Amino acid sequence: MRQTLTSPRGMVTAPHHLATSAAASVLREGGNAIEAMVAAASTIAVVYPHMNSIGGDGFWIISEPGQEPVAIDACGRAAGLASIDWYREQGIDGTVIPGRGPLAANTVAGAISGWQEALVHSARMGGKLPVSRLLQDAIYYAKNGAPVTQSQVNFTTKFLPELGTQPGFAKQFLNDDTYGHQVPLVNTLRTYAALGDTLQALSSNKNGGLDDFYRGDIAASNAAQLEELGSPLRLADFHAHRAQSVKPLSVRVTGATLYNMTPPTQGLASLMILAIFDKLRIRHNIREAEGFEYLHAIVEATKQAFKVRNRHVADPATMAANSVTPEQFLTDAFIDQCVAAVDMKKALPWPEKTIHGDTIWMGTADSSGRMVSYIQSVYWEFGSGVVLSDTGVGWQNRGSSFLLDSASHMALAPHKKPFHTLNPAHARFDDGRTMVYGNMGGDGQPQSQSAVFSRYAMFGQTLQAAVSAPRWLLGKTWGQESTTLKFENRTDAKALQALRDAGHDVEVLDDYSDTMGHAGAIVRQPDGLYLGAADPRSDGVVAGF
């Protein structure tokens, strides 16, 4: 069992140790939490390529003492050509957009624009480190070699039949020998020369720095190759893209205010789960974060939240056109309706629509009490599978979450934001503590957030215990096709049987299953001491100083 780590000046947690190290070195040089996060985000895009890429999207929550939290929406919109009619012309029938290939690469990659917007906030806080310093580690690993993880090997092997034939994938991620393309071995070094050159260019002010990705030579190269491969994206889509700073959603629970990302993300669902569960916990006097009552209540709270998510969460403009606001689902009156709908002895029939995804969450904190909760993703493992050979950028498939159905709130339309599983979480406690926490893994993101927060904040577990404890997943993620209620094998056997008896479709997985995603958390105590936790299911660590 890992111990919760502590430090007095700053802390980083990430699902890959090299990203943690990159961010920690920035903090040691006097960088702030935002600058450290840019270092971590660029590094993990190189060393954990199956989980994220600079060809994906990102979302931030930035917390500063004495100020309201700020969120950054770095979601790329659908291409101007991306319409239902356009896909019909490409021979796509039905309502589903292909999940792999150029037709899946239909949205702008927003992650780097989020770094840009975050660094504007950093400058206001006195941040001075140049982008060349922040991308230093990422450039090194891309050009000199990043170690291949077991996780990368596992997921490359698992999805090779659908990824291996995608443009540029084999050259970037497979070895070429006399036996054909082979998955690289774990703990071998792999270089990404074109990606390294792209990161080098982005770190330079010569062509506009990070803005080169949207309005410079890199944008032109990416747009031209995407068009050549058959994607609907064009250079005008890149030119039009900007990240936005927005006010995060919030809700009260006992002893704390919780914050999460606005639509088009499922941050609303994360807040709803904990608000519903908090009331169930008090009403039914649930006293421990184990056993049937706890697990049943929090799973049923999840179902109530997912019903709202599945019916309403989309591009904010679409929600507004339908006269729907996320705040209406966070009122006491609506949360009480959800609580009343929960039967504490019987499971609500399930499933509803499930969400698939691959992502990384990371947290940073600096000596001034500033904290960042950040999440970066390409949606499915390796995203669309398309790798642009000139720049080495692997492109996301986030736009495959649209539907080719004009009657749906998820209908594809030009310049529309796709639904996002991504949702970075933040909490401010009445006693002065602050917390950033999160998880990757589609449907599992808000569920693991609810597990970590409830076990730490409501039931008094240590931070690391809350992250390490056996988790659950309602629905599918990480390529899982079953929609069962999944539990790790360490879960109490009596509780599992009671859940089956209540009507839950229980499936038992390994002790520390990747299916549950990779969680992490940092807490700042009122005295300034930081507590940090990393997930034993990941390749990550906590670093502090």
Protein backbone atom coordinates (compact mmCIF):
# COMPACT_ATOMS: atom_id res chain seq x y z
CA MET A 1 0.00 0.00 0.00
CA ARG A 2 1.47 3.33 -1.01
CA GLN A 3 1.56 6.15 1.50
CA THR A 4 0.18 9.62 0.90
CA LEU A 5 3.19 11.80 0.11
CA THR A 6 3.62 15.31 1.51
CA SER A 7 5.63 18.42 0.66
CA PRO A 8 5.69 22.06 1.81
CA ARG A 9 6.45 24.00 -1.40
CA GLY A 10 4.89 22.34 -4.42
CA MET A 11 3.59 19.06 -5.82
CA VAL A 12 2.86 17.23 -9.07
CA THR A 13 0.97 14.05 -9.82
CA ALA A 14 0.69 12.48 -13.28
CA PRO A 15 0.07 8.99 -14.72
CA HIS A 16 3.60 8.87 -16.16
CA HIS A 17 6.66 9.51 -14.01
CA LEU A 18 8.54 11.43 -16.71
CA ALA A 19 5.70 13.95 -16.97
CA THR A 20 5.78 14.32 -13.20
CA SER A 21 9.53 14.88 -13.31
CA ALA A 22 9.25 17.47 -16.09
CA ALA A 23 6.70 19.48 -14.14
CA ALA A 24 8.58 19.19 -10.84
CA SER A 25 11.76 20.54 -12.42
CA VAL A 26 9.83 23.63 -13.57
CA LEU A 27 8.52 24.20 -10.05
CA ARG A 28 12.06 23.91 -8.66
CA GLU A 29 13.22 26.61 -11.09
CA GLY A 30 10.58 28.98 -9.77
CA GLY A 31 7.89 28.25 -12.30
CA ASN A 32 4.26 28.34 -11.25
CA ALA A 33 1.65 25.59 -11.36
CA ILE A 34 0.49 26.58 -14.87
CA GLU A 35 3.98 26.54 -16.31
CA ALA A 36 4.61 23.19 -14.63
CA MET A 37 1.44 21.81 -16.18
CA VAL A 38 2.46 22.87 -19.69
CA ALA A 39 5.73 21.00 -19.15
CA ALA A 40 3.84 17.93 -17.97
CA ALA A 41 1.27 18.14 -20.77
CA SER A 42 3.87 18.38 -23.53
CA THR A 43 5.98 15.58 -22.04
CA ILE A 44 3.14 13.13 -21.52
CA ALA A 45 2.03 13.69 -25.12
CA VAL A 46 5.35 12.10 -26.12
CA VAL A 47 5.84 9.40 -23.49
CA TYR A 48 2.20 8.21 -23.24
CA PRO A 49 1.10 8.49 -26.88
CA HIS A 50 -1.68 5.92 -26.69
CA MET A 51 -3.46 8.08 -24.10
CA ASN A 52 -3.07 11.59 -25.49
CA SER A 53 -1.41 13.76 -28.10
CA ILE A 54 -0.95 17.37 -29.13
CA GLY A 55 -3.49 16.36 -31.78
CA GLY A 56 -6.17 16.16 -29.07
CA ASP A 57 -8.16 18.48 -26.79
CA GLY A 58 -7.66 19.69 -23.24
CA PHE A 59 -9.53 21.28 -20.34
CA TRP A 60 -8.20 23.19 -17.35
CA ILE A 61 -9.34 24.40 -13.95
CA ILE A 62 -6.93 26.91 -12.45
CA SER A 63 -7.21 27.81 -8.77
CA GLU A 64 -5.53 30.79 -7.14
CA PRO A 65 -5.87 31.74 -3.45
CA GLY A 66 -8.39 34.50 -2.94
CA GLN A 67 -9.75 34.24 -6.49
CA GLU A 68 -12.61 32.34 -8.06
CA PRO A 69 -11.43 29.30 -10.07
CA VAL A 70 -11.06 29.75 -13.82
CA ALA A 71 -11.74 27.04 -16.39
CA ILE A 72 -10.28 26.81 -19.89
CA ASP A 73 -12.23 25.18 -22.70
CA ALA A 74 -9.73 24.01 -25.33
CA CYS A 75 -12.20 21.94 -27.33
CA GLY A 76 -11.76 21.85 -31.08
CA ARG A 77 -14.86 22.39 -33.19
CA ALA A 78 -16.05 20.29 -36.11
CA ALA A 79 -14.73 21.20 -39.53
CA GLY A 80 -16.67 23.67 -41.64
CA LEU A 81 -17.24 20.89 -44.17
CA ALA A 82 -18.34 18.37 -41.53
CA SER A 83 -22.04 17.93 -42.14
CA ILE A 84 -24.39 14.97 -42.36
CA ASP A 85 -24.67 15.52 -46.11
CA TRP A 86 -20.88 15.53 -46.48
CA TYR A 87 -20.64 12.13 -44.77
CA ARG A 88 -23.42 10.77 -46.96
CA GLU A 89 -21.37 11.86 -49.97
CA GLN A 90 -18.46 9.83 -48.56
CA GLY A 91 -20.68 6.75 -48.55
CA ILE A 92 -21.42 6.66 -44.81
CA ASP A 93 -24.94 5.38 -44.11
CA GLY A 94 -26.68 5.12 -40.76
CA THR A 95 -26.05 7.46 -37.81
CA VAL A 96 -22.52 6.51 -36.72
CA ILE A 97 -19.33 8.26 -37.84
CA PRO A 98 -16.34 5.88 -38.31
CA GLY A 99 -14.24 5.70 -35.17
CA ARG A 100 -10.90 5.36 -36.97
CA GLY A 101 -9.27 6.86 -40.01
CA PRO A 102 -9.44 10.25 -41.75
CA LEU A 103 -13.23 10.47 -41.56
CA ALA A 104 -12.91 10.29 -37.77
CA ALA A 105 -10.38 13.15 -37.78
CA ASN A 106 -13.05 15.81 -38.19
CA THR A 107 -12.40 18.29 -35.36
CA VAL A 108 -9.60 20.78 -34.74
CA ALA A 109 -7.10 19.73 -32.04
CA GLY A 110 -7.49 22.25 -29.22
CA ALA A 111 -4.93 21.14 -26.62
CA ILE A 112 -2.16 23.55 -27.59
CA SER A 113 -4.58 26.49 -27.66
CA GLY A 114 -5.36 25.59 -24.05
CA TRP A 115 -1.66 25.83 -23.21
CA GLN A 116 -1.66 29.27 -24.86
CA GLU A 117 -4.66 30.49 -22.88
CA ALA A 118 -3.29 29.08 -19.63
CA LEU A 119 0.02 30.88 -20.16
CA VAL A 120 -1.89 34.18 -20.45
CA HIS A 121 -3.14 33.55 -16.91
CA SER A 122 0.39 32.51 -15.92
CA ALA A 123 1.82 35.82 -17.14
CA ARG A 124 -0.76 37.69 -15.06
CA MET A 125 0.53 35.74 -12.06
CA GLY A 126 4.13 36.67 -12.82
CA GLY A 127 5.12 33.58 -14.77
CA LYS A 128 8.24 34.21 -16.83
CA LEU A 129 9.63 30.89 -18.04
CA PRO A 130 9.81 30.74 -21.85
CA VAL A 131 7.90 28.11 -23.80
CA SER A 132 11.25 26.71 -24.95
CA ARG A 133 11.97 25.77 -21.33
CA LEU A 134 8.52 24.32 -20.74
CA LEU A 135 8.73 22.03 -23.80
CA GLN A 136 12.36 21.08 -23.15
CA ASP A 137 11.74 17.59 -21.79
CA ALA A 138 9.12 16.75 -24.41
CA ILE A 139 11.51 17.73 -27.21
CA TYR A 140 14.31 15.65 -25.68
CA TYR A 141 12.22 12.48 -25.38
CA ALA A 142 10.80 12.87 -28.88
CA LYS A 143 14.22 13.28 -30.46
CA ASN A 144 16.33 11.00 -28.26
CA GLY A 145 13.87 8.32 -27.24
CA ALA A 146 10.88 7.77 -24.99
CA PRO A 147 10.63 4.45 -23.11
CA VAL A 148 7.81 2.22 -24.35
CA THR A 149 5.51 1.31 -21.45
CA GLN A 150 3.70 -1.95 -20.90
CA SER A 151 0.46 -0.01 -21.23
CA GLN A 152 1.46 1.23 -24.69
CA VAL A 153 2.41 -2.31 -25.74
CA ASN A 154 -0.87 -3.73 -24.43
CA PHE A 155 -3.10 -1.26 -26.21
CA THR A 156 -1.11 -1.21 -29.43
CA THR A 157 -1.39 -4.99 -29.56
CA LYS A 158 -5.07 -5.03 -28.66
CA PHE A 159 -6.15 -2.54 -31.30
CA LEU A 160 -3.54 -3.24 -33.96
CA PRO A 161 -6.07 -4.74 -36.42
CA GLU A 162 -7.95 -1.43 -36.63
CA LEU A 163 -4.98 0.92 -36.12
CA GLY A 164 -2.18 -0.70 -38.12
CA THR A 165 -3.64 0.24 -41.49
CA GLN A 166 -4.35 3.89 -40.62
CA PRO A 167 -2.21 6.52 -42.39
CA GLY A 168 1.12 7.07 -40.67
CA PHE A 169 0.42 4.80 -37.69
CA ALA A 170 2.83 1.98 -38.49
CA LYS A 171 5.72 4.33 -39.20
CA GLN A 172 5.20 6.17 -35.91
CA PHE A 173 4.40 3.34 -33.52
CA LEU A 174 5.53 0.00 -35.01
CA ASN A 175 8.86 -1.60 -35.81
CA ASP A 176 9.49 -2.65 -39.40
CA ASP A 177 11.51 -5.85 -39.82
CA THR A 178 11.68 -8.89 -42.07
CA TYR A 179 8.49 -10.23 -40.47
CA GLY A 180 6.52 -7.04 -41.18
CA HIS A 181 5.29 -4.46 -38.73
CA GLN A 182 5.84 -5.45 -35.11
CA VAL A 183 4.71 -3.90 -31.82
CA PRO A 184 7.81 -2.49 -30.07
CA LEU A 185 8.99 -4.23 -26.92
CA VAL A 186 8.38 -2.79 -23.47
CA ASN A 187 11.26 -0.72 -22.05
CA THR A 188 12.79 -0.03 -25.44
CA LEU A 189 13.43 3.54 -26.54
CA ARG A 190 11.35 4.94 -29.36
CA THR A 191 12.02 8.22 -31.11
CA TYR A 192 9.47 10.48 -32.78
CA ALA A 193 11.65 12.72 -34.95
CA ALA A 194 8.91 14.61 -36.79
CA LEU A 195 7.02 15.25 -33.56
CA GLY A 196 10.23 16.47 -31.98
CA ASP A 197 10.73 18.95 -34.83
CA THR A 198 7.14 20.14 -34.41
CA LEU A 199 7.59 20.69 -30.68
CA GLN A 200 10.87 22.47 -31.36
CA ALA A 201 9.12 24.82 -33.78
CA LEU A 202 6.30 25.45 -31.29
CA SER A 203 8.85 26.35 -28.63
CA SER A 204 10.38 29.06 -30.81
CA ASN A 205 9.09 32.60 -31.28
CA LYS A 206 10.38 32.59 -34.87
CA ASN A 207 7.05 31.49 -36.37
CA GLY A 208 4.72 32.59 -33.60
CA GLY A 209 5.47 29.94 -31.01
CA LEU A 210 2.47 27.87 -29.96
CA ASP A 211 0.24 29.83 -32.33
CA ASP A 212 2.11 28.20 -35.22
CA PHE A 213 -0.16 25.20 -34.64
CA TYR A 214 -3.19 27.23 -35.73
CA ARG A 215 -1.98 30.11 -37.86
CA GLY A 216 1.52 29.23 -39.09
CA ASP A 217 3.50 26.70 -41.08
CA ILE A 218 2.52 23.80 -38.84
CA ALA A 219 -1.16 24.61 -39.31
CA ALA A 220 -0.69 24.74 -43.07
CA SER A 221 1.13 21.42 -43.12
CA ASN A 222 -1.41 19.65 -40.90
CA ALA A 223 -4.37 21.03 -42.83
CA ALA A 224 -2.89 20.07 -46.20
CA GLN A 225 -2.14 16.50 -45.17
CA LEU A 226 -5.51 16.02 -43.47
CA GLU A 227 -7.26 17.20 -46.64
CA GLU A 228 -5.10 14.88 -48.77
CA LEU A 229 -6.01 11.90 -46.57
CA GLY A 230 -9.74 12.61 -46.80
CA SER A 231 -10.51 14.50 -43.58
CA PRO A 232 -13.02 17.38 -43.81
CA LEU A 233 -10.66 19.70 -41.89
CA ARG A 234 -9.25 22.69 -43.77
CA LEU A 235 -6.81 25.49 -42.95
CA ALA A 236 -9.68 27.92 -42.28
CA ASP A 237 -10.79 25.68 -39.40
CA PHE A 238 -7.38 26.07 -37.77
CA HIS A 239 -7.33 29.83 -38.32
CA ALA A 240 -10.71 30.21 -36.62
CA HIS A 241 -9.84 28.23 -33.50
CA ARG A 242 -9.35 29.84 -30.07
CA ALA A 243 -9.48 28.43 -26.55
CA GLN A 244 -11.81 30.17 -24.09
CA SER A 245 -11.59 31.00 -20.40
CA VAL A 246 -14.97 30.28 -18.78
CA LYS A 247 -16.56 30.12 -15.34
CA PRO A 248 -16.64 26.49 -14.15
CA LEU A 249 -19.79 24.78 -12.93
CA SER A 250 -20.11 24.38 -9.16
CA VAL A 251 -22.26 22.68 -6.56
CA ARG A 252 -22.32 22.51 -2.76
CA VAL A 253 -21.89 19.28 -0.80
CA THR A 254 -21.44 18.94 2.92
CA GLY A 255 -18.36 20.93 3.91
CA ALA A 256 -17.16 21.88 0.42
CA THR A 257 -17.86 23.52 -2.91
CA LEU A 258 -17.07 21.37 -5.94
CA TYR A 259 -16.05 22.74 -9.34
CA ASN A 260 -15.95 21.09 -12.72
CA MET A 261 -15.92 21.83 -16.43
CA THR A 262 -18.81 23.26 -18.40
CA PRO A 263 -20.43 21.54 -21.41
CA PRO A 264 -19.63 20.11 -23.88
CA THR A 265 -17.91 18.02 -21.18
CA GLN A 266 -19.56 15.65 -18.72
CA GLY A 267 -18.36 17.77 -15.78
CA LEU A 268 -22.04 18.23 -14.92
CA ALA A 269 -22.36 14.49 -14.34
CA SER A 270 -19.40 14.44 -11.95
CA LEU A 271 -20.93 17.20 -9.84
CA MET A 272 -24.37 15.61 -9.88
CA ILE A 273 -23.10 12.21 -8.73
CA LEU A 274 -21.46 13.66 -5.62
CA ALA A 275 -24.35 16.02 -4.84
CA ILE A 276 -26.90 13.18 -5.10
CA PHE A 277 -24.72 10.76 -3.17
CA ASP A 278 -24.07 13.31 -0.41
CA LYS A 279 -27.80 13.58 0.25
CA LEU A 280 -28.26 9.79 0.07
CA ARG A 281 -25.36 9.35 2.51
CA ILE A 282 -26.94 11.64 5.07
CA ARG A 283 -30.51 10.40 4.56
CA HIS A 284 -29.53 6.74 4.91
CA ASN A 285 -26.76 7.23 7.48
CA ILE A 286 -24.05 5.61 5.36
CA ARG A 287 -20.94 5.59 7.56
CA GLU A 288 -18.22 3.83 5.60
CA ALA A 289 -16.87 3.81 2.06
CA GLU A 290 -17.24 0.06 1.71
CA GLY A 291 -20.12 -2.37 1.67
CA PHE A 292 -23.40 -2.62 -0.17
CA GLU A 293 -25.01 0.65 0.99
CA TYR A 294 -22.11 2.84 -0.13
CA LEU A 295 -21.60 1.10 -3.47
CA HIS A 296 -25.30 0.84 -4.31
CA ALA A 297 -26.00 4.47 -3.41
CA ILE A 298 -23.13 5.91 -5.42
CA VAL A 299 -23.86 3.68 -8.44
CA GLU A 300 -27.52 4.70 -8.37
CA ALA A 301 -26.48 8.35 -8.08
CA THR A 302 -24.35 7.77 -11.18
CA LYS A 303 -27.33 6.45 -13.11
CA GLN A 304 -29.38 9.53 -12.25
CA ALA A 305 -26.55 11.80 -13.39
CA PHE A 306 -25.91 9.82 -16.59
CA LYS A 307 -29.60 10.02 -17.54
CA VAL A 308 -29.26 13.80 -17.57
CA ARG A 309 -25.90 13.70 -19.34
CA ASN A 310 -27.10 11.36 -22.06
CA ARG A 311 -30.20 13.42 -22.82
CA HIS A 312 -28.90 16.96 -22.60
CA VAL A 313 -25.13 17.56 -22.52
CA ALA A 314 -23.78 18.82 -25.85
CA ASP A 315 -22.35 21.95 -27.44
CA PRO A 316 -23.46 24.84 -25.18
CA ALA A 317 -25.07 26.52 -28.18
CA THR A 318 -27.20 23.43 -28.84
CA MET A 319 -28.21 23.27 -25.19
CA ALA A 320 -29.18 26.96 -25.24
CA ALA A 321 -31.24 26.45 -28.40
CA ASN A 322 -33.08 23.68 -26.55
CA SER A 323 -33.62 26.00 -23.55
CA VAL A 324 -31.41 23.81 -21.35
CA THR A 325 -28.77 25.07 -18.93
CA PRO A 326 -26.40 22.86 -16.91
CA GLU A 327 -27.13 24.91 -13.79
CA GLN A 328 -30.77 23.80 -13.74
CA PHE A 329 -29.61 20.25 -12.94
CA LEU A 330 -27.49 21.42 -9.98
CA THR A 331 -30.25 23.10 -8.00
CA ASP A 332 -31.25 21.63 -4.65
CA ALA A 333 -34.73 20.97 -6.00
CA PHE A 334 -33.48 18.91 -8.96
CA ILE A 335 -30.90 17.04 -6.90
CA ASP A 336 -33.68 16.20 -4.41
CA GLN A 337 -35.75 14.77 -7.28
CA CYS A 338 -32.83 12.52 -8.21
CA VAL A 339 -32.40 11.42 -4.60
CA ALA A 340 -36.10 10.57 -4.37
CA ALA A 341 -35.80 8.45 -7.53
CA VAL A 342 -33.19 6.17 -5.96
CA ASP A 343 -34.41 2.87 -4.51
CA MET A 344 -31.88 1.85 -1.86
CA LYS A 345 -32.83 -1.82 -2.17
CA LYS A 346 -33.18 -2.25 -5.93
CA ALA A 347 -31.03 -1.33 -8.92
CA LEU A 348 -32.43 0.87 -11.67
CA PRO A 349 -32.40 -1.10 -14.94
CA TRP A 350 -29.37 -0.24 -17.04
CA PRO A 351 -27.63 0.44 -19.47
CA GLU A 352 -28.15 3.70 -21.18
CA LYS A 353 -25.71 5.05 -23.74
CA THR A 354 -22.09 4.46 -22.72
CA ILE A 355 -19.00 6.49 -23.40
CA HIS A 356 -15.62 5.22 -24.58
CA GLY A 357 -12.40 7.12 -24.07
CA ASP A 358 -8.68 7.37 -23.37
CA THR A 359 -7.21 10.32 -21.54
CA ILE A 360 -4.71 11.53 -18.97
CA TRP A 361 -5.40 13.66 -15.87
CA MET A 362 -2.65 15.58 -14.07
CA GLY A 363 -2.44 17.98 -11.14
CA THR A 364 0.14 20.61 -10.17
CA ALA A 365 0.50 22.95 -7.21
CA ASP A 366 3.07 25.65 -6.47
CA SER A 367 4.49 27.45 -3.42
CA SER A 368 1.93 30.27 -3.70
CA GLY A 369 -1.02 27.93 -3.36
CA ARG A 370 -1.97 27.97 -7.03
CA MET A 371 -3.30 24.62 -8.23
CA VAL A 372 -4.16 23.20 -11.64
CA SER A 373 -6.47 20.34 -12.56
CA TYR A 374 -5.88 19.37 -16.19
CA ILE A 375 -7.05 16.70 -18.57
CA GLN A 376 -5.84 15.99 -22.12
CA SER A 377 -7.12 13.39 -24.53
CA VAL A 378 -7.42 11.96 -28.04
CA TYR A 379 -10.72 10.19 -27.15
CA TRP A 380 -10.09 6.51 -28.04
CA GLU A 381 -6.68 4.89 -27.62
CA PHE A 382 -4.46 6.57 -30.26
CA GLY A 383 -7.50 8.62 -31.34
CA SER A 384 -8.34 8.27 -35.03
CA GLY A 385 -5.13 6.32 -35.57
CA VAL A 386 -4.10 8.88 -38.20
CA VAL A 387 -0.55 10.20 -37.77
CA LEU A 388 0.50 13.14 -39.95
CA SER A 389 3.89 12.16 -41.27
CA ASP A 390 5.21 15.68 -41.83
CA THR A 391 4.60 16.81 -38.25
CA GLY A 392 4.33 13.53 -36.32
CA VAL A 393 0.98 14.58 -34.84
CA GLY A 394 -1.49 11.81 -34.01
CA TRP A 395 -5.02 13.12 -34.53
CA GLN A 396 -7.95 12.65 -32.20
CA ASN A 397 -11.30 11.07 -33.12
CA ARG A 398 -13.36 13.15 -30.71
CA GLY A 399 -15.76 14.09 -33.50
CA SER A 400 -16.84 10.47 -33.90
CA SER A 401 -19.04 11.13 -30.85
CA PHE A 402 -21.34 13.15 -33.15
CA LEU A 403 -24.31 11.39 -34.71
CA LEU A 404 -25.45 11.56 -38.31
CA ASP A 405 -28.98 12.16 -37.07
CA SER A 406 -30.39 15.67 -37.41
CA ALA A 407 -32.99 15.03 -34.69
CA SER A 408 -30.38 14.31 -32.00
CA HIS A 409 -28.81 16.89 -29.68
CA MET A 410 -25.56 15.14 -30.67
CA ALA A 411 -26.15 15.76 -34.38
CA LEU A 412 -23.09 16.65 -36.42
CA ALA A 413 -23.01 20.20 -37.76
CA PRO A 414 -20.23 22.47 -39.06
CA HIS A 415 -18.25 24.27 -36.35
CA LYS A 416 -20.09 22.44 -33.55
CA LYS A 417 -18.28 21.31 -30.40
CA PRO A 418 -18.38 17.54 -29.81
CA PHE A 419 -19.50 15.97 -26.54
CA HIS A 420 -16.52 15.42 -24.25
CA THR A 421 -15.85 12.88 -21.54
CA LEU A 422 -13.09 15.14 -20.20
CA ASN A 423 -13.71 16.86 -16.88
CA PRO A 424 -11.01 18.16 -14.52
CA ALA A 425 -12.21 18.43 -10.91
CA HIS A 426 -11.49 20.89 -8.10
CA ALA A 427 -12.83 21.31 -4.56
CA ARG A 428 -12.65 24.04 -1.93
CA PHE A 429 -13.41 22.96 1.61
CA ASP A 430 -15.00 25.13 4.25
CA ASP A 431 -12.02 24.44 6.54
CA GLY A 432 -9.56 25.99 4.07
CA ARG A 433 -8.32 22.91 2.22
CA THR A 434 -8.22 22.92 -1.59
CA MET A 435 -8.10 19.84 -3.79
CA VAL A 436 -7.51 18.98 -7.44
CA TYR A 437 -8.39 15.48 -8.58
CA GLY A 438 -9.31 13.55 -11.67
CA ASN A 439 -9.21 10.38 -13.69
CA MET A 440 -9.16 9.18 -17.27
CA GLY A 441 -11.39 6.64 -18.97
CA GLY A 442 -14.66 7.68 -20.62
CA ASP A 443 -17.65 6.79 -18.45
CA GLY A 444 -15.21 6.01 -15.65
CA GLN A 445 -14.01 9.60 -15.21
CA PRO A 446 -16.88 10.96 -13.09
CA GLN A 447 -17.26 7.63 -11.32
CA SER A 448 -13.65 7.50 -10.18
CA GLN A 449 -13.83 11.17 -9.21
CA SER A 450 -16.80 10.34 -6.99
CA ALA A 451 -14.90 7.41 -5.47
CA VAL A 452 -11.76 9.41 -4.70
CA PHE A 453 -13.55 12.48 -3.36
CA SER A 454 -16.14 10.64 -1.29
CA ARG A 455 -13.63 8.29 0.30
CA TYR A 456 -11.26 11.12 1.18
CA ALA A 457 -13.65 13.96 2.03
CA MET A 458 -16.74 12.18 3.33
CA PHE A 459 -15.32 9.07 4.96
CA GLY A 460 -11.88 10.18 6.13
CA GLN A 461 -9.65 7.85 4.16
CA THR A 462 -6.12 9.04 3.45
CA LEU A 463 -5.68 10.54 -0.01
CA GLN A 464 -3.59 7.65 -1.31
CA ALA A 465 -5.97 5.08 0.17
CA ALA A 466 -8.84 6.81 -1.62
CA VAL A 467 -7.01 6.56 -4.95
CA SER A 468 -5.76 2.99 -4.43
CA ALA A 469 -8.99 1.50 -3.03
CA PRO A 470 -10.94 -0.90 -5.27
CA ARG A 471 -13.08 0.97 -7.77
CA TRP A 472 -16.06 0.27 -9.98
CA LEU A 473 -17.24 1.17 -13.45
CA LEU A 474 -20.81 1.31 -14.67
CA GLY A 475 -20.69 0.99 -18.44
CA LYS A 476 -17.82 0.45 -20.83
CA THR A 477 -14.49 2.12 -21.44
CA TRP A 478 -11.00 1.33 -22.74
CA GLY A 479 -12.42 -0.79 -25.54
CA GLN A 480 -14.67 -2.82 -23.24
CA GLU A 481 -17.87 -3.89 -25.01
CA SER A 482 -19.81 -5.05 -21.95
CA THR A 483 -22.08 -2.61 -20.12
CA THR A 484 -21.95 -4.42 -16.81
CA LEU A 485 -21.22 -2.94 -13.38
CA LYS A 486 -17.54 -3.82 -13.10
CA PHE A 487 -15.62 -4.15 -9.83
CA GLU A 488 -12.03 -4.93 -9.03
CA ASN A 489 -11.50 -8.30 -7.38
CA ARG A 490 -10.46 -6.66 -4.10
CA THR A 491 -14.05 -5.51 -3.47
CA ASP A 492 -15.76 -7.18 -0.50
CA ALA A 493 -17.38 -10.44 -1.69
CA LYS A 494 -20.45 -10.00 0.53
CA ALA A 495 -21.05 -6.54 -0.92
CA LEU A 496 -20.79 -7.91 -4.46
CA GLN A 497 -23.35 -10.61 -3.73
CA ALA A 498 -25.70 -8.07 -2.16
CA LEU A 499 -25.39 -5.93 -5.27
CA ARG A 500 -26.26 -8.93 -7.47
CA ASP A 501 -29.25 -9.65 -5.25
CA ALA A 502 -30.41 -6.04 -5.72
CA GLY A 503 -30.39 -6.48 -9.49
CA HIS A 504 -26.97 -5.15 -10.51
CA ASP A 505 -25.25 -6.97 -13.38
CA VAL A 506 -21.92 -7.44 -11.59
CA GLU A 507 -18.67 -8.36 -13.37
CA VAL A 508 -15.40 -8.88 -11.48
CA LEU A 509 -12.07 -7.79 -12.98
CA ASP A 510 -8.43 -7.99 -11.85
CA ASP A 511 -7.21 -6.58 -8.53
CA TYR A 512 -5.79 -3.39 -10.08
CA SER A 513 -7.50 -3.13 -13.44
CA ASP A 514 -6.56 -0.62 -16.14
CA THR A 515 -10.26 -0.57 -16.97
CA MET A 516 -10.77 1.66 -13.92
CA GLY A 517 -8.48 4.31 -15.37
CA HIS A 518 -5.68 6.23 -13.72
CA ALA A 519 -6.69 8.61 -10.93
CA GLY A 520 -4.71 11.15 -8.94
CA ALA A 521 -5.18 13.97 -6.45
CA ILE A 522 -3.42 16.79 -4.61
CA VAL A 523 -4.72 18.50 -1.47
CA ARG A 524 -3.41 21.72 0.04
CA GLN A 525 -3.98 21.99 3.77
CA PRO A 526 -4.64 25.38 5.43
CA ASP A 527 -1.07 25.37 6.81
CA GLY A 528 0.31 25.11 3.25
CA LEU A 529 1.31 21.44 3.39
CA TYR A 530 0.54 19.49 0.22
CA LEU A 531 -0.70 15.90 0.14
CA GLY A 532 -0.41 13.90 -3.08
CA ALA A 533 -1.55 10.57 -4.47
CA ALA A 534 -0.86 8.68 -7.70
CA ASP A 535 -2.61 5.60 -9.03
CA PRO A 536 -0.88 2.22 -8.63
CA ARG A 537 -2.71 1.21 -11.82
CA SER A 538 -0.64 3.71 -13.83
CA ASP A 539 3.01 4.45 -14.63
CA GLY A 540 2.75 7.61 -12.56
CA VAL A 541 4.23 9.02 -9.37
CA VAL A 542 3.90 12.01 -7.08
CA ALA A 543 6.77 14.50 -6.81
CA GLY A 544 7.04 17.27 -4.23
CA PHE A 545 9.60 19.62 -2.79
